[in-house]
C-alpha cells in the first residue's frame, strides 16, 4: 500500500482516486495493529476525496471509519460530526431509503450510544433496522451491526428483556457473516 501511495503521488493528480483508496486501506491496516499513523493516512484520504469529483462515496466511507475510530479515542464531538457528514453524503448519493444510509444511521447511533445519548441512539438504530428490513435482500453483515447496536442500547436503557431477542437475532446474522467461531460472533 505504501508503494502504491508513493507511486500515485509521483504520477500526479490523475491518480489521486487510487491514492485516496490506498490511504484508506492503509489506515484500516494501521488501526488494526495499533499504529497511530492510521489517523494521518485516513485524514489524507479524506482530504483527497473532498477534492475529487468522484470521491464522495469513498469520502462517506472514510468519514464513517473516522467516526468509529474517534469513538475509541473518546473524541465524541468529532466522531458525531464525521458520522453526520457521512450520513448526509450517503443520503445524497444513494437516496434516503438505501442500505448505505441504514448503515450510516447505525454508525451515528453508535456514536450517540458512546455519548450516552441513549434515546437518540435507539432512534438511529430503529431507523437503520427499518430501512434494512424494508430491503428485499438486506445484508446479514449490516443487519447484525444494526441489531447489536439496538440490543446494546436497550441494555443501556435498562430493558434487557427487550434486548435479548434482538441480540439473539444479531448473533444469528453474525454466524452467517463470519461463522460461529469468530470474535464478532462471540
Protein backbone atom coordinates (compact mmCIF):
# COMPACT_ATOMS: atom_id res chain seq x y z
CA UNK A 1 0.00 0.00 0.00
CA UNK A 2 2.80 2.42 0.81
CA UNK A 3 4.42 1.67 -2.54
CA UNK A 4 1.11 2.26 -4.33
CA UNK A 5 0.56 5.54 -2.47
CA UNK A 6 4.05 6.78 -3.35
CA UNK A 7 3.72 5.74 -6.98
CA UNK A 8 0.37 7.53 -7.28
CA UNK A 9 1.86 10.62 -5.62
CA UNK A 10 4.67 10.67 -8.21
CA UNK A 11 2.26 10.09 -11.11
CA UNK A 12 0.21 13.13 -10.13
CA UNK A 13 -3.41 14.18 -9.64
CA UNK A 14 -4.77 11.79 -12.27
CA UNK A 15 -4.06 9.01 -9.77
CA UNK A 16 -5.47 10.70 -6.66
CA UNK A 17 -8.53 8.41 -6.64
CA UNK A 18 -6.32 5.34 -6.35
CA UNK A 19 -4.08 7.06 -3.81
CA UNK A 20 -7.09 8.02 -1.67
CA UNK A 21 -8.38 4.44 -1.69
CA UNK A 22 -4.94 3.06 -0.83
CA UNK A 23 -4.60 5.56 2.02
CA UNK A 24 -7.96 4.46 3.43
CA UNK A 25 -6.89 0.81 3.22
CA UNK A 26 -3.55 1.63 4.84
CA UNK A 27 -5.36 3.49 7.61
CA UNK A 28 -7.54 0.45 8.32
CA UNK A 29 -4.49 -1.81 8.49
CA UNK A 30 -2.61 0.57 10.75
CA UNK A 31 -5.65 0.85 13.03
CA UNK A 32 -5.83 -2.93 13.33
CA UNK A 33 -2.23 -3.17 14.54
CA UNK A 34 -2.46 -0.13 16.83
CA UNK A 35 -0.18 2.11 14.76
CA UNK A 36 -1.03 5.77 15.45
CA UNK A 37 -0.24 6.60 11.81
CA UNK A 38 -3.78 5.43 10.95
CA UNK A 39 -5.19 8.88 11.52
CA UNK A 40 -2.81 10.76 9.23
CA UNK A 41 -3.44 8.24 6.46
CA UNK A 42 -7.21 8.50 6.88
CA UNK A 43 -7.17 12.29 7.07
CA UNK A 44 -5.10 12.45 3.87
CA UNK A 45 -7.59 10.11 2.19
CA UNK A 46 -10.48 12.30 3.35
CA UNK A 47 -8.77 15.46 2.08
CA UNK A 48 -8.15 13.88 -1.32
CA UNK A 49 -11.71 12.58 -1.58
CA UNK A 50 -13.11 16.01 -0.72
CA UNK A 51 -11.34 17.40 -3.82
CA UNK A 52 -12.25 14.57 -6.17
CA UNK A 53 -15.46 14.82 -8.16
CA UNK A 54 -15.98 11.06 -7.91
CA UNK A 55 -14.58 10.71 -4.39
CA UNK A 56 -17.80 11.22 -2.45
CA UNK A 57 -18.61 7.52 -1.96
CA UNK A 58 -15.13 6.90 -0.57
CA UNK A 59 -15.41 10.10 1.46
CA UNK A 60 -18.61 8.84 3.10
CA UNK A 61 -16.91 5.53 3.97
CA UNK A 62 -13.78 7.24 5.28
CA UNK A 63 -15.83 9.61 7.44
CA UNK A 64 -17.72 6.64 8.87
CA UNK A 65 -14.43 4.87 9.63
CA UNK A 66 -13.09 8.06 11.20
CA UNK A 67 -16.17 8.31 13.42
CA UNK A 68 -15.69 4.72 14.56
CA UNK A 69 -12.04 5.33 15.37
CA UNK A 70 -12.73 8.59 17.17
CA UNK A 71 -15.16 6.79 19.48
CA UNK A 72 -12.23 4.69 20.69
CA UNK A 73 -10.30 7.91 21.39
CA UNK A 74 -13.34 9.34 23.20
CA UNK A 75 -13.38 12.28 20.77
CA UNK A 76 -17.16 12.09 20.71
CA UNK A 77 -17.95 15.53 19.27
CA UNK A 78 -15.64 14.98 16.29
CA UNK A 79 -16.97 11.43 15.89
CA UNK A 80 -20.54 12.68 15.76
CA UNK A 81 -19.66 15.37 13.22
CA UNK A 82 -17.95 12.79 10.97
CA UNK A 83 -20.89 10.36 11.31
CA UNK A 84 -23.43 13.08 10.48
CA UNK A 85 -21.45 14.18 7.43
CA UNK A 86 -21.20 10.57 6.26
CA UNK A 87 -24.98 10.16 6.71
CA UNK A 88 -25.71 13.32 4.71
CA UNK A 89 -23.40 12.22 1.89
CA UNK A 90 -24.94 8.75 1.73
CA UNK A 91 -28.46 10.20 1.63
CA UNK A 92 -27.44 12.41 -1.26
CA UNK A 93 -25.61 9.63 -3.11
CA UNK A 94 -27.91 6.65 -2.53
CA UNK A 95 -31.28 8.07 -1.53
CA UNK A 96 -32.88 8.20 1.91
CA UNK A 97 -34.13 4.59 1.94
CA UNK A 98 -30.94 2.76 0.96
CA UNK A 99 -28.78 0.22 2.78
CA UNK A 100 -25.77 2.60 2.82
CA UNK A 101 -27.99 5.15 4.59
CA UNK A 102 -29.15 2.49 7.05
CA UNK A 103 -25.52 1.73 7.90
CA UNK A 104 -24.83 5.47 8.34
CA UNK A 105 -27.77 5.74 10.77
CA UNK A 106 -26.30 2.83 12.71
CA UNK A 107 -22.85 4.43 12.79
CA UNK A 108 -24.39 7.66 14.11
CA UNK A 109 -26.30 5.58 16.66
CA UNK A 110 -23.03 4.02 17.79
CA UNK A 111 -21.57 7.48 18.37
CA UNK A 112 -24.68 8.60 20.24
CA UNK A 113 -24.53 5.47 22.41
CA UNK A 114 -20.90 6.27 23.24
CA UNK A 115 -22.03 9.79 24.17
CA UNK A 116 -24.73 8.28 26.44
CA UNK A 117 -27.47 9.88 24.35
CA UNK A 118 -29.48 6.68 24.61
CA UNK A 119 -32.83 7.90 23.30
CA UNK A 120 -31.27 9.32 20.14
CA UNK A 121 -29.09 6.20 19.74
CA UNK A 122 -32.16 3.97 19.89
CA UNK A 123 -33.95 6.16 17.34
CA UNK A 124 -31.00 5.79 14.93
CA UNK A 125 -30.87 2.02 15.48
CA UNK A 126 -34.59 1.70 14.81
CA UNK A 127 -34.32 3.87 11.67
CA UNK A 128 -31.48 1.72 10.41
CA UNK A 129 -33.31 -1.51 11.17
CA UNK A 130 -36.49 -0.33 9.44
CA UNK A 131 -34.53 0.61 6.32
CA UNK A 132 -32.74 -2.73 6.21
CA UNK A 133 -35.87 -4.75 6.87
CA UNK A 134 -37.63 -2.90 4.03
CA UNK A 135 -34.86 -4.04 1.68
CA UNK A 136 -35.72 -7.17 -0.33
CA UNK A 137 -32.35 -8.76 0.46
CA UNK A 138 -30.64 -6.98 3.34
CA UNK A 139 -27.02 -7.73 4.10
CA UNK A 140 -26.53 -10.01 7.12
CA UNK A 141 -23.38 -8.00 7.88
CA UNK A 142 -25.37 -4.79 8.13
CA UNK A 143 -28.24 -6.44 9.98
CA UNK A 144 -26.00 -7.90 12.67
CA UNK A 145 -24.34 -4.50 13.14
CA UNK A 146 -27.68 -2.71 13.49
CA UNK A 147 -29.20 -5.38 15.72
CA UNK A 148 -26.16 -5.40 18.01
CA UNK A 149 -26.46 -1.64 18.33
CA UNK A 150 -30.17 -1.85 19.12
CA UNK A 151 -29.57 -4.56 21.71
CA UNK A 152 -26.74 -2.65 23.36
CA UNK A 153 -28.86 0.50 23.58
CA UNK A 154 -31.81 -1.42 25.04
CA UNK A 155 -29.50 -2.93 27.66
CA UNK A 156 -28.12 0.51 28.48
CA UNK A 157 -31.68 1.76 28.88
CA UNK A 158 -32.29 -0.99 31.45
CA UNK A 159 -34.53 -3.02 29.13
CA UNK A 160 -32.73 -6.40 28.96
CA UNK A 161 -35.94 -8.35 28.29
CA UNK A 162 -36.30 -6.40 25.02
CA UNK A 163 -32.59 -6.57 24.25
CA UNK A 164 -32.23 -10.36 24.48
CA UNK A 165 -34.27 -11.38 21.39
CA UNK A 166 -32.65 -8.59 19.37
CA UNK A 167 -29.17 -9.73 20.38
CA UNK A 168 -30.03 -13.36 19.62
CA UNK A 169 -31.08 -12.31 16.12
CA UNK A 170 -27.84 -10.32 15.78
CA UNK A 171 -25.94 -13.46 16.75
CA UNK A 172 -27.73 -15.47 14.06
CA UNK A 173 -26.72 -12.93 11.42
CA UNK A 174 -23.15 -12.78 12.74
CA UNK A 175 -22.84 -16.56 12.38
CA UNK A 176 -23.96 -16.20 8.75
CA UNK A 177 -21.39 -13.49 8.06
CA UNK A 178 -18.26 -14.68 9.86
CA UNK A 179 -19.08 -18.11 11.26
CA UNK A 180 -19.65 -19.42 14.78
CA UNK A 181 -16.04 -19.19 15.97
CA UNK A 182 -15.25 -15.59 15.01
CA UNK A 183 -14.63 -12.94 17.67
CA UNK A 184 -17.51 -10.81 16.36
CA UNK A 185 -19.89 -13.75 16.81
CA UNK A 186 -18.75 -14.30 20.40
